[in-house]
Structures are given as structure tokens and as C-alpha cells.
Amino acid sequence: MAKVSIGLRGWRFDEEEVFTDDGEFRALDSVPDDTRKRLIRLTYLQEKPCDACYLVHGESEKRRANGAEIVYGEPMEEVLLCSEHEADFLYWFREEGGKEAAGTETFRDEFHEWFLAGNRAPEGYGGLEHVDTDPDKLPTPPDPAELNRRLNENYEGERKRIDLKTGEITTVEEGEDAPSLGDVDLGRDYPTK
């Protein structure tokens, strides 16, 4: 069974769990839970900036940050990186104790703290050599609207809702109102994490 990266390098998926024989994405309800959560999370992460670039430039200049190309860690505690900063992450992980934080709720925060303290990989530190075998042949993950449409196409009388941040799928009863936004001002810029 071949392993493939989808959308971002790093997380690897068993092809047979994710794709049909025709090379299309399987229906979400036929994909194992952990794989489904990662796929849903990928749709949220794909347009995000590299964490290290973001830390360098800050919120006010985040447009200067490179887009994420690589994801390491577990969903909700992942680190997003561009190829320029991958060596910094790998150095932290291999040589500076990052491996001990793997799988913990502080994984991302510990890398961020290390990076913000001015730590970097030494000049010439080797990263990983990624092998891209026909990356153009793999379909890109569906966008959130398409994911939602696919999830609900076979359910009459009930709808399912996907939380793109957590990957959780919940059922919405017919006639149930959308969650209230309370006093949220949709025109205002709110701080982001």
C-alpha cells in the first residue's frame, strides 16, 4: 500500500484509505476516523502561512510570510512550515529536544518558543529530501464547501456539519438554527492566534 502526501508534505496517507480505484477521494464516511480528521484539517491548513515566517513578520506583515508547504505534528498541534524553515524545525526536533514534545499539547508552542528565542539550524544543516512522484496526478483536497456538500449528499432529513479546525463532524437536526454569532461584528478585524 503506497503512502502519499496530499496538499502539504508531511502527513502521509494510505492511498487505498483515501482514494477510490478511479483516483477520486472516497466519501468521508468511508474513510477511517483519524484519516478523515487529518483530511478535513488539511482543507483548513492549506492556505495558512508558515509558522516560522509568521513569527518573523507578525500579524501586521503576515502577507510577507511564505505559504505553508509542510505539516508536522498532530492535528490541532501541528507546525506549518515553508521549505526555507523546514531545516530549523528538523534541527529543533532532532537536536534540541523537540522529539520529546511530539504528540503533546505543547508541541507547536515549544517549537514557537525555541524559534522566537532566536534559535535556528546551523548553516548547511540537512533537511529531508522529499520525493515528489507525479504530484500533479494527485487530486487536491476538496475545498470546505465541497467537503460539506459531499458529506451531506446521502443524508435526507438531517445535515452534517464539519468543524474545519478540529475535524469533528456533528449532526444538525432539521429546522435547527445555525449557531448564534451573538455580538460578533463581522466587519471588525479580530486578533488571530
N, C-alpha and C. Protein backbone atom coordinates (compact mmCIF):
# COMPACT_ATOMS: atom_id res chain seq x y z
N MET A 1 0.85 -1.17 0.00
CA MET A 1 0.00 0.00 0.00
C MET A 1 0.90 1.23 0.00
N ALA A 2 0.75 2.11 -0.98
CA ALA A 2 1.57 3.31 -1.11
C ALA A 2 1.08 4.40 -0.16
N LYS A 3 2.03 5.19 0.33
CA LYS A 3 1.72 6.33 1.18
C LYS A 3 1.91 7.60 0.34
N VAL A 4 1.00 8.55 0.51
CA VAL A 4 1.07 9.79 -0.25
C VAL A 4 0.81 10.98 0.67
N SER A 5 1.42 12.10 0.30
CA SER A 5 1.10 13.37 0.94
C SER A 5 0.05 14.05 0.07
N ILE A 6 -0.85 14.77 0.70
CA ILE A 6 -1.93 15.44 -0.03
C ILE A 6 -1.94 16.90 0.40
N GLY A 7 -1.85 17.80 -0.55
CA GLY A 7 -1.95 19.22 -0.24
C GLY A 7 -0.68 19.79 0.36
N LEU A 8 -0.23 19.27 1.49
CA LEU A 8 1.01 19.68 2.14
C LEU A 8 1.85 18.43 2.36
N ARG A 9 3.17 18.55 2.23
CA ARG A 9 4.04 17.41 2.54
C ARG A 9 4.04 17.20 4.05
N GLY A 10 4.37 16.02 4.47
CA GLY A 10 4.48 15.73 5.90
C GLY A 10 3.53 14.64 6.33
N TRP A 11 2.25 14.94 6.41
CA TRP A 11 1.29 13.90 6.76
C TRP A 11 1.17 12.96 5.58
N ARG A 12 1.27 11.66 5.86
CA ARG A 12 1.21 10.66 4.80
C ARG A 12 -0.04 9.81 5.00
N PHE A 13 -0.68 9.51 3.90
CA PHE A 13 -1.94 8.75 3.92
C PHE A 13 -1.78 7.49 3.08
N ASP A 14 -2.44 6.41 3.53
CA ASP A 14 -2.50 5.20 2.70
C ASP A 14 -3.43 5.50 1.54
N GLU A 15 -2.91 5.33 0.34
CA GLU A 15 -3.69 5.64 -0.86
C GLU A 15 -5.04 4.94 -0.87
N GLU A 16 -5.06 3.67 -0.48
CA GLU A 16 -6.30 2.90 -0.54
C GLU A 16 -7.36 3.41 0.44
N GLU A 17 -6.93 4.05 1.54
CA GLU A 17 -7.89 4.60 2.50
C GLU A 17 -8.52 5.89 2.00
N VAL A 18 -7.81 6.61 1.14
CA VAL A 18 -8.21 7.95 0.76
C VAL A 18 -8.82 8.02 -0.64
N PHE A 19 -8.30 7.22 -1.57
CA PHE A 19 -8.74 7.30 -2.97
C PHE A 19 -9.48 6.05 -3.42
N THR A 20 -10.40 6.25 -4.34
CA THR A 20 -11.08 5.13 -4.99
C THR A 20 -10.15 4.57 -6.07
N ASP A 21 -10.55 3.49 -6.69
CA ASP A 21 -9.76 2.92 -7.79
C ASP A 21 -9.66 3.89 -8.96
N ASP A 22 -10.62 4.82 -9.06
CA ASP A 22 -10.62 5.82 -10.14
C ASP A 22 -9.76 7.03 -9.81
N GLY A 23 -9.14 7.05 -8.62
CA GLY A 23 -8.28 8.16 -8.25
C GLY A 23 -9.01 9.35 -7.66
N GLU A 24 -10.27 9.16 -7.30
CA GLU A 24 -11.05 10.24 -6.68
C GLU A 24 -11.06 10.04 -5.18
N PHE A 25 -11.32 11.12 -4.42
CA PHE A 25 -11.41 10.99 -2.98
C PHE A 25 -12.61 10.11 -2.61
N ARG A 26 -12.41 9.26 -1.63
CA ARG A 26 -13.50 8.43 -1.11
C ARG A 26 -14.50 9.32 -0.37
N ALA A 27 -15.71 8.83 -0.22
CA ALA A 27 -16.71 9.53 0.59
C ALA A 27 -16.17 9.59 2.02
N LEU A 28 -16.37 10.72 2.68
CA LEU A 28 -15.82 10.91 4.02
C LEU A 28 -16.27 9.85 5.02
N ASP A 29 -17.51 9.40 4.90
CA ASP A 29 -17.99 8.42 5.87
C ASP A 29 -17.40 7.03 5.64
N SER A 30 -16.62 6.83 4.56
CA SER A 30 -15.97 5.55 4.32
C SER A 30 -14.48 5.60 4.64
N VAL A 31 -14.01 6.73 5.15
CA VAL A 31 -12.60 6.91 5.49
C VAL A 31 -12.44 6.72 7.00
N PRO A 32 -11.39 6.01 7.45
CA PRO A 32 -11.18 5.84 8.90
C PRO A 32 -11.12 7.19 9.63
N ASP A 33 -11.57 7.20 10.88
CA ASP A 33 -11.70 8.43 11.66
C ASP A 33 -10.45 9.29 11.67
N ASP A 34 -9.29 8.73 12.02
CA ASP A 34 -8.06 9.52 12.12
C ASP A 34 -7.70 10.13 10.76
N THR A 35 -7.83 9.34 9.72
CA THR A 35 -7.53 9.82 8.37
C THR A 35 -8.50 10.93 7.98
N ARG A 36 -9.78 10.74 8.27
CA ARG A 36 -10.80 11.75 7.95
C ARG A 36 -10.49 13.07 8.66
N LYS A 37 -10.14 13.01 9.93
CA LYS A 37 -9.82 14.24 10.68
C LYS A 37 -8.63 14.96 10.08
N ARG A 38 -7.61 14.20 9.67
CA ARG A 38 -6.44 14.83 9.05
C ARG A 38 -6.80 15.47 7.71
N LEU A 39 -7.60 14.77 6.90
CA LEU A 39 -8.01 15.33 5.60
C LEU A 39 -8.82 16.61 5.79
N ILE A 40 -9.75 16.60 6.71
CA ILE A 40 -10.56 17.79 6.97
C ILE A 40 -9.67 18.92 7.47
N ARG A 41 -8.76 18.60 8.36
CA ARG A 41 -7.84 19.62 8.90
C ARG A 41 -6.97 20.21 7.78
N LEU A 42 -6.56 19.38 6.82
CA LEU A 42 -5.76 19.87 5.70
C LEU A 42 -6.48 20.96 4.90
N THR A 43 -7.79 20.80 4.75
CA THR A 43 -8.52 21.82 3.98
C THR A 43 -8.45 23.17 4.68
N TYR A 44 -8.35 23.16 6.00
CA TYR A 44 -8.23 24.38 6.79
C TYR A 44 -6.80 24.93 6.73
N LEU A 45 -5.81 24.06 6.70
CA LEU A 45 -4.40 24.47 6.79
C LEU A 45 -3.78 24.93 5.49
N GLN A 46 -4.31 24.49 4.36
CA GLN A 46 -3.65 24.71 3.08
C GLN A 46 -3.32 26.15 2.74
N GLU A 47 -4.11 27.09 3.12
CA GLU A 47 -3.85 28.48 2.75
C GLU A 47 -3.18 29.26 3.88
N LYS A 48 -2.74 28.57 4.93
CA LYS A 48 -2.13 29.23 6.08
C LYS A 48 -0.65 29.52 5.80
N PRO A 49 -0.10 30.52 6.51
CA PRO A 49 1.31 30.83 6.34
C PRO A 49 2.20 29.88 7.13
N CYS A 50 3.46 29.85 6.77
CA CYS A 50 4.49 29.13 7.52
C CYS A 50 4.54 29.73 8.92
N ASP A 51 4.54 28.89 9.96
CA ASP A 51 4.59 29.38 11.33
C ASP A 51 5.84 30.21 11.58
N ALA A 52 7.00 29.75 11.11
CA ALA A 52 8.26 30.48 11.36
C ALA A 52 8.23 31.84 10.67
N CYS A 53 7.77 31.90 9.42
CA CYS A 53 7.66 33.19 8.71
C CYS A 53 6.72 34.12 9.46
N TYR A 54 5.61 33.57 9.91
CA TYR A 54 4.63 34.37 10.65
C TYR A 54 5.25 34.93 11.92
N LEU A 55 6.04 34.12 12.61
CA LEU A 55 6.70 34.59 13.83
C LEU A 55 7.71 35.70 13.52
N VAL A 56 8.35 35.63 12.38
CA VAL A 56 9.32 36.66 11.98
C VAL A 56 8.60 37.96 11.62
N HIS A 57 7.52 37.87 10.84
CA HIS A 57 6.86 39.06 10.29
C HIS A 57 5.72 39.59 11.15
N GLY A 58 5.07 38.74 11.92
CA GLY A 58 3.96 39.17 12.75
C GLY A 58 2.66 39.31 11.98
N GLU A 59 1.60 39.55 12.72
CA GLU A 59 0.25 39.66 12.15
C GLU A 59 0.16 40.81 11.14
N SER A 60 0.75 41.95 11.48
CA SER A 60 0.62 43.12 10.61
C SER A 60 1.31 42.94 9.26
N GLU A 61 2.28 42.05 9.18
CA GLU A 61 3.02 41.80 7.94
C GLU A 61 2.91 40.35 7.48
N LYS A 62 1.84 39.68 7.87
CA LYS A 62 1.75 38.25 7.55
C LYS A 62 1.68 37.98 6.05
N ARG A 63 1.35 38.97 5.28
CA ARG A 63 1.33 38.79 3.82
C ARG A 63 2.73 38.51 3.28
N ARG A 64 3.76 38.88 4.05
CA ARG A 64 5.15 38.64 3.65
C ARG A 64 5.59 37.20 3.95
N ALA A 65 4.80 36.50 4.74
CA ALA A 65 5.15 35.12 5.11
C ALA A 65 4.93 34.19 3.93
N ASN A 66 5.81 33.22 3.80
CA ASN A 66 5.64 32.18 2.78
C ASN A 66 4.45 31.31 3.16
N GLY A 67 3.78 30.79 2.17
CA GLY A 67 2.70 29.86 2.42
C GLY A 67 3.25 28.53 2.93
N ALA A 68 2.47 27.86 3.72
CA ALA A 68 2.88 26.55 4.25
C ALA A 68 3.01 25.56 3.10
N GLU A 69 4.06 24.74 3.17
CA GLU A 69 4.29 23.66 2.21
C GLU A 69 4.34 22.31 2.92
N ILE A 70 4.63 22.35 4.24
CA ILE A 70 4.91 21.14 5.01
C ILE A 70 4.14 21.20 6.33
N VAL A 71 3.64 20.07 6.78
CA VAL A 71 2.97 19.99 8.08
C VAL A 71 3.60 18.86 8.89
N TYR A 72 3.95 19.17 10.15
CA TYR A 72 4.47 18.18 11.09
C TYR A 72 3.62 18.23 12.35
N GLY A 73 3.55 17.12 13.06
CA GLY A 73 2.80 17.08 14.31
C GLY A 73 1.42 16.48 14.12
N GLU A 74 0.65 16.56 15.19
CA GLU A 74 -0.70 16.01 15.20
C GLU A 74 -1.72 17.11 14.94
N PRO A 75 -2.90 16.76 14.42
CA PRO A 75 -3.93 17.77 14.19
C PRO A 75 -4.19 18.59 15.45
N MET A 76 -4.29 19.87 15.29
CA MET A 76 -4.53 20.88 16.32
C MET A 76 -3.25 21.28 17.04
N GLU A 77 -2.17 20.55 16.88
CA GLU A 77 -0.87 20.93 17.46
C GLU A 77 0.21 20.87 16.40
N GLU A 78 -0.21 21.02 15.14
CA GLU A 78 0.72 20.90 14.05
C GLU A 78 1.57 22.16 13.87
N VAL A 79 2.71 21.98 13.23
CA VAL A 79 3.59 23.08 12.86
C VAL A 79 3.58 23.15 11.35
N LEU A 80 3.30 24.33 10.81
CA LEU A 80 3.29 24.55 9.37
C LEU A 80 4.58 25.25 8.97
N LEU A 81 5.19 24.78 7.90
CA LEU A 81 6.49 25.31 7.50
C LEU A 81 6.58 25.50 5.99
N CYS A 82 7.44 26.43 5.60
CA CYS A 82 7.84 26.55 4.21
C CYS A 82 9.16 25.78 4.08
N SER A 83 9.62 25.55 2.87
CA SER A 83 10.85 24.78 2.70
C SER A 83 12.05 25.51 3.29
N GLU A 84 12.03 26.84 3.34
CA GLU A 84 13.12 27.63 3.90
C GLU A 84 13.30 27.37 5.40
N HIS A 85 12.22 27.13 6.12
CA HIS A 85 12.29 26.94 7.57
C HIS A 85 12.19 25.48 8.03
N GLU A 86 12.08 24.55 7.10
CA GLU A 86 11.98 23.15 7.49
C GLU A 86 13.23 22.69 8.24
N ALA A 87 14.41 23.11 7.80
CA ALA A 87 15.65 22.70 8.47
C ALA A 87 15.68 23.18 9.92
N ASP A 88 15.16 24.41 10.18
CA ASP A 88 15.10 24.90 11.56
C ASP A 88 14.26 23.99 12.42
N PHE A 89 13.10 23.60 11.91
CA PHE A 89 12.22 22.70 12.66
C PHE A 89 12.90 21.35 12.90
N LEU A 90 13.48 20.78 11.85
CA LEU A 90 14.11 19.46 11.98
C LEU A 90 15.28 19.50 12.97
N TYR A 91 16.03 20.59 12.96
CA TYR A 91 17.13 20.72 13.93
C TYR A 91 16.56 20.75 15.35
N TRP A 92 15.54 21.56 15.57
CA TRP A 92 14.89 21.62 16.88
C TRP A 92 14.39 20.23 17.29
N PHE A 93 13.75 19.54 16.37
CA PHE A 93 13.16 18.24 16.66
C PHE A 93 14.23 17.19 16.97
N ARG A 94 15.27 17.14 16.14
CA ARG A 94 16.30 16.10 16.27
C ARG A 94 17.35 16.41 17.34
N GLU A 95 17.78 17.67 17.41
CA GLU A 95 18.95 18.02 18.22
C GLU A 95 18.63 18.82 19.48
N GLU A 96 17.47 19.45 19.55
CA GLU A 96 17.17 20.35 20.66
C GLU A 96 16.00 19.89 21.53
N GLY A 97 15.69 18.61 21.48
CA GLY A 97 14.68 18.05 22.36
C GLY A 97 13.25 18.12 21.87
N GLY A 98 13.04 18.56 20.65
CA GLY A 98 11.68 18.63 20.12
C GLY A 98 10.99 17.29 20.05
N LYS A 99 11.76 16.25 19.84
CA LYS A 99 11.18 14.90 19.76
C LYS A 99 10.43 14.54 21.03
N GLU A 100 10.90 15.05 22.18
CA GLU A 100 10.26 14.77 23.46
C GLU A 100 8.87 15.41 23.55
N ALA A 101 8.64 16.46 22.77
CA ALA A 101 7.34 17.13 22.79
C ALA A 101 6.36 16.52 21.79
N ALA A 102 6.83 15.61 20.94
CA ALA A 102 5.96 15.00 19.92
C ALA A 102 4.74 14.37 20.57
N GLY A 103 3.57 14.64 20.00
CA GLY A 103 2.33 14.06 20.48
C GLY A 103 1.73 14.77 21.69
N THR A 104 2.37 15.84 22.16
CA THR A 104 1.85 16.56 23.32
C THR A 104 1.10 17.81 22.87
N GLU A 105 0.33 18.37 23.80
CA GLU A 105 -0.43 19.58 23.51
C GLU A 105 0.47 20.81 23.39
N THR A 106 1.73 20.69 23.78
CA THR A 106 2.64 21.84 23.75
C THR A 106 3.61 21.78 22.58
N PHE A 107 3.47 20.79 21.71
CA PHE A 107 4.39 20.58 20.59
C PHE A 107 4.63 21.87 19.79
N ARG A 108 3.58 22.44 19.27
CA ARG A 108 3.69 23.66 18.46
C ARG A 108 4.26 24.81 19.29
N ASP A 109 3.74 24.99 20.49
CA ASP A 109 4.20 26.09 21.34
C ASP A 109 5.68 25.99 21.66
N GLU A 110 6.17 24.78 21.91
CA GLU A 110 7.59 24.61 22.24
C GLU A 110 8.47 24.97 21.05
N PHE A 111 8.06 24.59 19.85
CA PHE A 111 8.84 24.99 18.67
C PHE A 111 8.80 26.51 18.51
N HIS A 112 7.63 27.09 18.66
CA HIS A 112 7.50 28.55 18.54
C HIS A 112 8.41 29.26 19.54
N GLU A 113 8.42 28.82 20.78
CA GLU A 113 9.26 29.45 21.81
C GLU A 113 10.74 29.34 21.45
N TRP A 114 11.15 28.17 21.01
CA TRP A 114 12.54 27.94 20.61
C TRP A 114 12.91 28.88 19.46
N PHE A 115 12.04 28.97 18.46
CA PHE A 115 12.29 29.80 17.29
C PHE A 115 12.31 31.29 17.66
N LEU A 116 11.33 31.71 18.48
CA LEU A 116 11.27 33.12 18.90
C LEU A 116 12.48 33.55 19.73
N ALA A 117 13.13 32.60 20.38
CA ALA A 117 14.32 32.91 21.17
C ALA A 117 15.55 33.12 20.27
N GLY A 118 15.34 33.07 18.96
CA GLY A 118 16.43 33.33 18.02
C GLY A 118 17.19 32.09 17.60
N ASN A 119 16.72 30.94 17.99
CA ASN A 119 17.39 29.69 17.63
C ASN A 119 17.09 29.33 16.18
N ARG A 120 18.12 28.80 15.52
CA ARG A 120 17.98 28.36 14.13
C ARG A 120 18.89 27.15 13.92
N ALA A 121 18.66 26.46 12.82
CA ALA A 121 19.55 25.35 12.44
C ALA A 121 20.88 25.94 12.01
N PRO A 122 21.98 25.23 12.28
CA PRO A 122 23.27 25.71 11.81
C PRO A 122 23.30 25.77 10.28
N GLU A 123 24.12 26.64 9.75
CA GLU A 123 24.28 26.77 8.30
C GLU A 123 24.59 25.41 7.68
N GLY A 124 23.86 25.04 6.66
CA GLY A 124 24.10 23.78 5.96
C GLY A 124 23.47 22.57 6.61
N TYR A 125 22.70 22.77 7.69
CA TYR A 125 22.05 21.62 8.33
C TYR A 125 21.09 20.99 7.33
N GLY A 126 21.18 19.70 7.16
CA GLY A 126 20.37 19.00 6.17
C GLY A 126 18.94 18.80 6.60
N GLY A 127 18.06 19.03 5.69
CA GLY A 127 16.64 18.76 5.94
C GLY A 127 16.30 17.37 5.43
N LEU A 128 15.07 17.20 5.08
CA LEU A 128 14.63 15.93 4.49
C LEU A 128 14.57 16.09 2.99
N GLU A 129 14.88 15.03 2.28
CA GLU A 129 14.71 15.07 0.84
C GLU A 129 13.35 14.47 0.53
N HIS A 130 12.46 15.31 0.05
CA HIS A 130 11.11 14.85 -0.27
C HIS A 130 11.08 14.33 -1.70
N VAL A 131 10.44 13.20 -1.87
CA VAL A 131 10.32 12.63 -3.20
C VAL A 131 8.90 12.90 -3.69
N ASP A 132 8.81 13.71 -4.73
CA ASP A 132 7.51 14.01 -5.32
C ASP A 132 7.36 13.18 -6.59
N THR A 133 6.53 12.15 -6.52
CA THR A 133 6.29 11.29 -7.68
C THR A 133 4.96 11.70 -8.29
N ASP A 134 5.02 12.37 -9.42
CA ASP A 134 3.82 12.82 -10.12
C ASP A 134 2.85 13.56 -9.21
N PRO A 135 3.30 14.63 -8.52
CA PRO A 135 2.39 15.33 -7.61
C PRO A 135 1.19 15.93 -8.33
N ASP A 136 1.34 16.20 -9.64
CA ASP A 136 0.22 16.79 -10.39
C ASP A 136 -0.89 15.78 -10.65
N LYS A 137 -0.61 14.48 -10.52
CA LYS A 137 -1.63 13.47 -10.75
C LYS A 137 -2.58 13.31 -9.57
N LEU A 138 -2.12 13.71 -8.36
CA LEU A 138 -2.98 13.58 -7.19
C LEU A 138 -3.99 14.71 -7.15
N PRO A 139 -5.25 14.39 -6.89
CA PRO A 139 -6.23 15.47 -6.77
C PRO A 139 -5.95 16.29 -5.51
N THR A 140 -6.29 17.58 -5.58
CA THR A 140 -6.13 18.42 -4.39
C THR A 140 -7.34 18.17 -3.48
N PRO A 141 -7.14 18.34 -2.18
CA PRO A 141 -8.28 18.13 -1.29
C PRO A 141 -9.42 19.08 -1.65
N PRO A 142 -10.66 18.63 -1.50
CA PRO A 142 -11.79 19.49 -1.81
C PRO A 142 -11.81 20.70 -0.87
N ASP A 143 -12.36 21.81 -1.36
CA ASP A 143 -12.47 22.98 -0.50
C ASP A 143 -13.58 22.72 0.52
N PRO A 144 -13.67 23.56 1.57
CA PRO A 144 -14.66 23.31 2.62
C PRO A 144 -16.10 23.18 2.13
N ALA A 145 -16.51 24.00 1.16
CA ALA A 145 -17.88 23.91 0.66
C ALA A 145 -18.13 22.57 -0.02
N GLU A 146 -17.15 22.09 -0.78
CA GLU A 146 -17.29 20.80 -1.46
C GLU A 146 -17.30 19.65 -0.44
N LEU A 147 -16.46 19.75 0.60
CA LEU A 147 -16.47 18.74 1.66
C LEU A 147 -17.85 18.64 2.30
N ASN A 148 -18.42 19.79 2.60
CA ASN A 148 -19.74 19.83 3.22
C ASN A 148 -20.81 19.24 2.29
N ARG A 149 -20.74 19.58 1.01
CA ARG A 149 -21.71 19.06 0.04
C ARG A 149 -21.60 17.53 -0.03
N ARG A 150 -20.38 17.02 -0.14
CA ARG A 150 -20.18 15.57 -0.22
C ARG A 150 -20.65 14.86 1.04
N LEU A 151 -20.41 15.47 2.17
CA LEU A 151 -20.80 14.86 3.43
C LEU A 151 -22.31 14.73 3.55
N ASN A 152 -23.04 15.68 2.99
CA ASN A 152 -24.49 15.72 3.15
C ASN A 152 -25.27 15.14 1.98
N GLU A 153 -24.62 14.72 0.92
CA GLU A 153 -25.35 14.31 -0.27
C GLU A 153 -26.19 13.05 -0.10
N ASN A 154 -25.86 12.19 0.85
CA ASN A 154 -26.61 10.94 1.01
C ASN A 154 -27.48 10.90 2.26
N TYR A 155 -27.72 12.05 2.87
CA TYR A 155 -28.49 12.07 4.12
C TYR A 155 -29.72 12.95 3.93
N GLU A 156 -30.87 12.32 3.88
CA GLU A 156 -32.10 13.08 3.75
C GLU A 156 -32.66 13.33 5.14
N GLY A 157 -33.12 14.54 5.40
CA GLY A 157 -33.75 14.87 6.66
C GLY A 157 -32.78 15.27 7.76
N GLU A 158 -31.50 15.11 7.54
CA GLU A 158 -30.52 15.59 8.52
C GLU A 158 -29.29 16.12 7.76
N ARG A 159 -28.66 17.05 8.39
CA ARG A 159 -27.44 17.62 7.80
C ARG A 159 -26.28 17.34 8.73
N LYS A 160 -25.11 17.30 8.15
CA LYS A 160 -23.91 17.15 8.95
C LYS A 160 -23.09 18.41 8.79
N ARG A 161 -22.40 18.76 9.85
CA ARG A 161 -21.57 19.97 9.85
C ARG A 161 -20.15 19.56 10.21
N ILE A 162 -19.16 20.13 9.51
CA ILE A 162 -17.76 19.85 9.77
C ILE A 162 -17.12 21.05 10.45
N ASP A 163 -16.45 20.80 11.55
CA ASP A 163 -15.64 21.84 12.19
C ASP A 163 -14.26 21.71 11.56
N LEU A 164 -13.89 22.66 10.68
CA LEU A 164 -12.64 22.56 9.95
C LEU A 164 -11.41 22.68 10.85
N LYS A 165 -11.56 23.28 11.99
CA LYS A 165 -10.41 23.39 12.89
C LYS A 165 -10.13 22.07 13.59
N THR A 166 -11.16 21.38 14.03
CA THR A 166 -10.95 20.15 14.81
C THR A 166 -11.16 18.87 13.99
N GLY A 167 -11.87 18.97 12.87
CA GLY A 167 -12.18 17.79 12.07
C GLY A 167 -13.39 17.03 12.57
N GLU A 168 -14.05 17.53 13.59
CA GLU A 168 -15.23 16.87 14.15
C GLU A 168 -16.43 17.05 13.22
N ILE A 169 -17.22 16.00 13.11
CA ILE A 169 -18.44 16.03 12.31
C ILE A 169 -19.61 15.86 13.26
N THR A 170 -20.56 16.77 13.21
CA THR A 170 -21.75 16.69 14.05
C THR A 170 -22.99 16.69 13.17
N THR A 171 -24.10 16.19 13.73
CA THR A 171 -25.37 16.17 13.02
C THR A 171 -26.19 17.36 13.45
N VAL A 172 -26.80 18.03 12.47
CA VAL A 172 -27.67 19.18 12.73
C VAL A 172 -29.08 18.71 12.44
N GLU A 173 -29.94 18.79 13.42
CA GLU A 173 -31.33 18.37 13.24
C GLU A 173 -32.05 19.30 12.26
N GLU A 174 -32.98 18.73 11.50
CA GLU A 174 -33.78 19.52 10.55
C GLU A 174 -34.48 20.65 11.29
N GLY A 175 -34.38 21.84 10.80
CA GLY A 175 -35.03 23.00 11.40
C GLY A 175 -34.21 23.66 12.49
N GLU A 176 -33.09 23.03 12.87
CA GLU A 176 -32.24 23.63 13.90
C GLU A 176 -31.58 24.87 13.32
N ASP A 177 -31.59 25.92 14.12
CA ASP A 177 -30.99 27.17 13.67
C ASP A 177 -29.48 27.06 13.66
N ALA A 178 -28.87 27.88 12.82
CA ALA A 178 -27.41 27.98 12.81
C ALA A 178 -26.97 28.56 14.14
N PRO A 179 -25.77 28.24 14.57
CA PRO A 179 -25.31 28.79 15.84
C PRO A 179 -25.33 30.32 15.82
N SER A 180 -25.69 30.90 16.94
CA SER A 180 -25.76 32.35 17.04
C SER A 180 -24.38 32.95 17.06
N LEU A 181 -24.22 34.06 16.39
CA LEU A 181 -22.96 34.78 16.41
C LEU A 181 -22.93 35.82 17.51
N GLY A 182 -24.01 35.94 18.24
CA GLY A 182 -24.05 36.87 19.38
C GLY A 182 -23.73 38.29 18.95
N ASP A 183 -22.78 38.88 19.64
CA ASP A 183 -22.40 40.27 19.37
C ASP A 183 -21.20 40.38 18.44
N VAL A 184 -20.97 39.39 17.62
CA VAL A 184 -19.82 39.43 16.72
C VAL A 184 -20.06 40.47 15.63
N ASP A 185 -19.10 41.36 15.46
CA ASP A 185 -19.12 42.37 14.41
C ASP A 185 -18.34 41.79 13.23
N LEU A 186 -19.03 41.35 12.18
CA LEU A 186 -18.39 40.70 11.05
C LEU A 186 -17.49 41.64 10.26
N GLY A 187 -17.62 42.93 10.43
CA GLY A 187 -16.78 43.89 9.72
C GLY A 187 -15.50 44.23 10.47
N ARG A 188 -15.37 43.75 11.69
CA ARG A 188 -14.22 44.09 12.52
C ARG A 188 -13.09 43.08 12.33
N ASP A 189 -11.83 43.54 12.43
CA ASP A 189 -10.68 42.62 12.40
C ASP A 189 -10.45 42.13 13.82
N TYR A 190 -10.61 40.81 14.01
CA TYR A 190 -10.36 40.20 15.31
C TYR A 190 -8.95 39.63 15.32
N PRO A 191 -8.31 39.62 16.49
CA PRO A 191 -6.97 39.05 16.57
C PRO A 191 -7.02 37.55 16.28
N THR A 192 -5.96 37.06 15.68
CA THR A 192 -5.86 35.62 15.42
C THR A 192 -4.70 35.08 16.23
N LYS A 193 -4.72 33.78 16.39
CA LYS A 193 -3.69 33.11 17.19
C LYS A 193 -2.39 33.10 16.47
